[in-house]
């Protein structure tokens, strides 16, 4: 689970740094579907499965915001250097 959070966080930072909100919406849907399928259809409404999917989505959203912030700071420093 820890490596999954690290991977989702890295994906979120890259999305925020390079692309904008439509890609975030699609990636959020992908995480929900993959989390549901990985847990098995029978345990879809299990509280542990729902909380882990929510944790992945929140991690993606926060990492996306961090990536947007880093992208803005990086672009401003590049503009001022030129």
C-alpha atoms as a PDB file:
ATOM      1  CA  UNK A   1       0.000   0.000   0.000  1.00  0.00           C
ATOM      2  CA  UNK A   2       2.873   2.377   0.763  1.00  0.00           C
ATOM      3  CA  UNK A   3       4.369   1.968  -2.704  1.00  0.00           C
ATOM      4  CA  UNK A   4       0.948   2.572  -4.187  1.00  0.00           C
ATOM      5  CA  UNK A   5       0.710   5.878  -2.337  1.00  0.00           C
ATOM      6  CA  UNK A   6       4.203   6.839  -3.496  1.00  0.00           C
ATOM      7  CA  UNK A   7       3.308   5.979  -7.100  1.00  0.00           C
ATOM      8  CA  UNK A   8       0.028   7.900  -6.956  1.00  0.00           C
ATOM      9  CA  UNK A   9       1.828  10.865  -5.403  1.00  0.00           C
ATOM     10  CA  UNK A  10       4.455  10.876  -8.148  1.00  0.00           C
ATOM     11  CA  UNK A  11       1.739  10.674 -10.811  1.00  0.00           C
ATOM     12  CA  UNK A  12      -0.092  13.571  -9.161  1.00  0.00           C
ATOM     13  CA  UNK A  13       3.022  15.766  -9.083  1.00  0.00           C
ATOM     14  CA  UNK A  14       3.763  15.024 -12.736  1.00  0.00           C
ATOM     15  CA  UNK A  15       0.164  15.772 -13.722  1.00  0.00           C
ATOM     16  CA  UNK A  16       0.217  19.056 -11.858  1.00  0.00           C
ATOM     17  CA  UNK A  17       3.569  20.043 -13.299  1.00  0.00           C
ATOM     18  CA  UNK A  18       2.714  19.328 -16.926  1.00  0.00           C
ATOM     19  CA  UNK A  19      -1.046  19.108 -17.554  1.00  0.00           C
ATOM     20  CA  UNK A  20      -4.192  20.566 -16.088  1.00  0.00           C
ATOM     21  CA  UNK A  21      -7.525  19.569 -14.552  1.00  0.00           C
ATOM     22  CA  UNK A  22      -9.051  17.334 -17.271  1.00  0.00           C
ATOM     23  CA  UNK A  23      -6.196  14.862 -16.877  1.00  0.00           C
ATOM     24  CA  UNK A  24      -6.680  14.934 -13.104  1.00  0.00           C
ATOM     25  CA  UNK A  25     -10.352  14.053 -13.485  1.00  0.00           C
ATOM     26  CA  UNK A  26      -9.521  11.133 -15.766  1.00  0.00           C
ATOM     27  CA  UNK A  27      -6.767   9.897 -13.459  1.00  0.00           C
ATOM     28  CA  UNK A  28      -9.098  10.085 -10.457  1.00  0.00           C
ATOM     29  CA  UNK A  29     -11.622   7.903 -12.308  1.00  0.00           C
ATOM     30  CA  UNK A  30      -8.846   5.457 -13.237  1.00  0.00           C
ATOM     31  CA  UNK A  31      -7.737   5.191  -9.609  1.00  0.00           C
ATOM     32  CA  UNK A  32     -11.301   4.516  -8.437  1.00  0.00           C
ATOM     33  CA  UNK A  33     -11.816   1.806 -11.076  1.00  0.00           C
ATOM     34  CA  UNK A  34      -8.427   0.165 -10.490  1.00  0.00           C
ATOM     35  CA  UNK A  35      -8.949   0.257  -6.723  1.00  0.00           C
ATOM     36  CA  UNK A  36     -12.373  -1.347  -7.080  1.00  0.00           C
ATOM     37  CA  UNK A  37     -11.127  -4.060  -9.440  1.00  0.00           C
ATOM     38  CA  UNK A  38      -7.991  -4.776  -7.399  1.00  0.00           C
ATOM     39  CA  UNK A  39     -10.066  -5.293  -4.280  1.00  0.00           C
ATOM     40  CA  UNK A  40     -12.463  -7.649  -5.991  1.00  0.00           C
ATOM     41  CA  UNK A  41     -16.043  -7.003  -6.951  1.00  0.00           C
ATOM     42  CA  UNK A  42     -17.399  -8.813  -3.888  1.00  0.00           C
ATOM     43  CA  UNK A  43     -15.601  -6.507  -1.480  1.00  0.00           C
ATOM     44  CA  UNK A  44     -16.363  -3.294  -3.361  1.00  0.00           C
ATOM     45  CA  UNK A  45     -18.528  -1.920  -0.563  1.00  0.00           C
ATOM     46  CA  UNK A  46     -16.194  -3.016   2.203  1.00  0.00           C
ATOM     47  CA  UNK A  47     -15.233  -0.030   4.389  1.00  0.00           C
ATOM     48  CA  UNK A  48     -11.528  -0.873   4.225  1.00  0.00           C
ATOM     49  CA  UNK A  49     -11.623  -0.906   0.414  1.00  0.00           C
ATOM     50  CA  UNK A  50     -13.553   2.367   0.251  1.00  0.00           C
ATOM     51  CA  UNK A  51     -11.173   4.058   2.684  1.00  0.00           C
ATOM     52  CA  UNK A  52      -8.110   2.904   0.758  1.00  0.00           C
ATOM     53  CA  UNK A  53      -9.613   4.209  -2.514  1.00  0.00           C
ATOM     54  CA  UNK A  54     -10.372   7.509  -0.774  1.00  0.00           C
ATOM     55  CA  UNK A  55      -6.799   7.666   0.538  1.00  0.00           C
ATOM     56  CA  UNK A  56      -5.422   7.148  -2.977  1.00  0.00           C
ATOM     57  CA  UNK A  57      -7.706   9.844  -4.396  1.00  0.00           C
ATOM     58  CA  UNK A  58      -6.814  12.351  -1.662  1.00  0.00           C
ATOM     59  CA  UNK A  59      -3.111  11.615  -2.174  1.00  0.00           C
ATOM     60  CA  UNK A  60      -3.502  12.203  -5.916  1.00  0.00           C
ATOM     61  CA  UNK A  61      -5.342  15.486  -5.389  1.00  0.00           C
ATOM     62  CA  UNK A  62      -2.819  16.844  -2.867  1.00  0.00           C
ATOM     63  CA  UNK A  63       0.140  15.784  -5.000  1.00  0.00           C
ATOM     64  CA  UNK A  64      -1.508  17.451  -8.003  1.00  0.00           C
ATOM     65  CA  UNK A  65      -1.757  20.732  -6.085  1.00  0.00           C
ATOM     66  CA  UNK A  66       1.888  20.407  -5.085  1.00  0.00           C
ATOM     67  CA  UNK A  67       2.795  19.803  -8.733  1.00  0.00           C
ATOM     68  CA  UNK A  68       0.844  22.883  -9.849  1.00  0.00           C
ATOM     69  CA  UNK A  69       2.645  24.970  -7.236  1.00  0.00           C
ATOM     70  CA  UNK A  70       6.050  23.623  -8.269  1.00  0.00           C
ATOM     71  CA  UNK A  71       5.239  24.229 -11.934  1.00  0.00           C
ATOM     72  CA  UNK A  72       4.254  27.836 -11.298  1.00  0.00           C
ATOM     73  CA  UNK A  73       7.379  28.505  -9.243  1.00  0.00           C
ATOM     74  CA  UNK A  74       9.586  26.845 -11.858  1.00  0.00           C
ATOM     75  CA  UNK A  75       8.039  28.790 -14.738  1.00  0.00           C
ATOM     76  CA  UNK A  76       8.406  32.088 -12.864  1.00  0.00           C
ATOM     77  CA  UNK A  77      12.065  31.465 -12.126  1.00  0.00           C
ATOM     78  CA  UNK A  78      12.703  30.542 -15.765  1.00  0.00           C
ATOM     79  CA  UNK A  79      10.963  33.721 -16.942  1.00  0.00           C
ATOM     80  CA  UNK A  80      12.979  35.934 -14.590  1.00  0.00           C
ATOM     81  CA  UNK A  81      16.296  34.329 -15.605  1.00  0.00           C
ATOM     82  CA  UNK A  82      15.747  35.094 -19.294  1.00  0.00           C
END
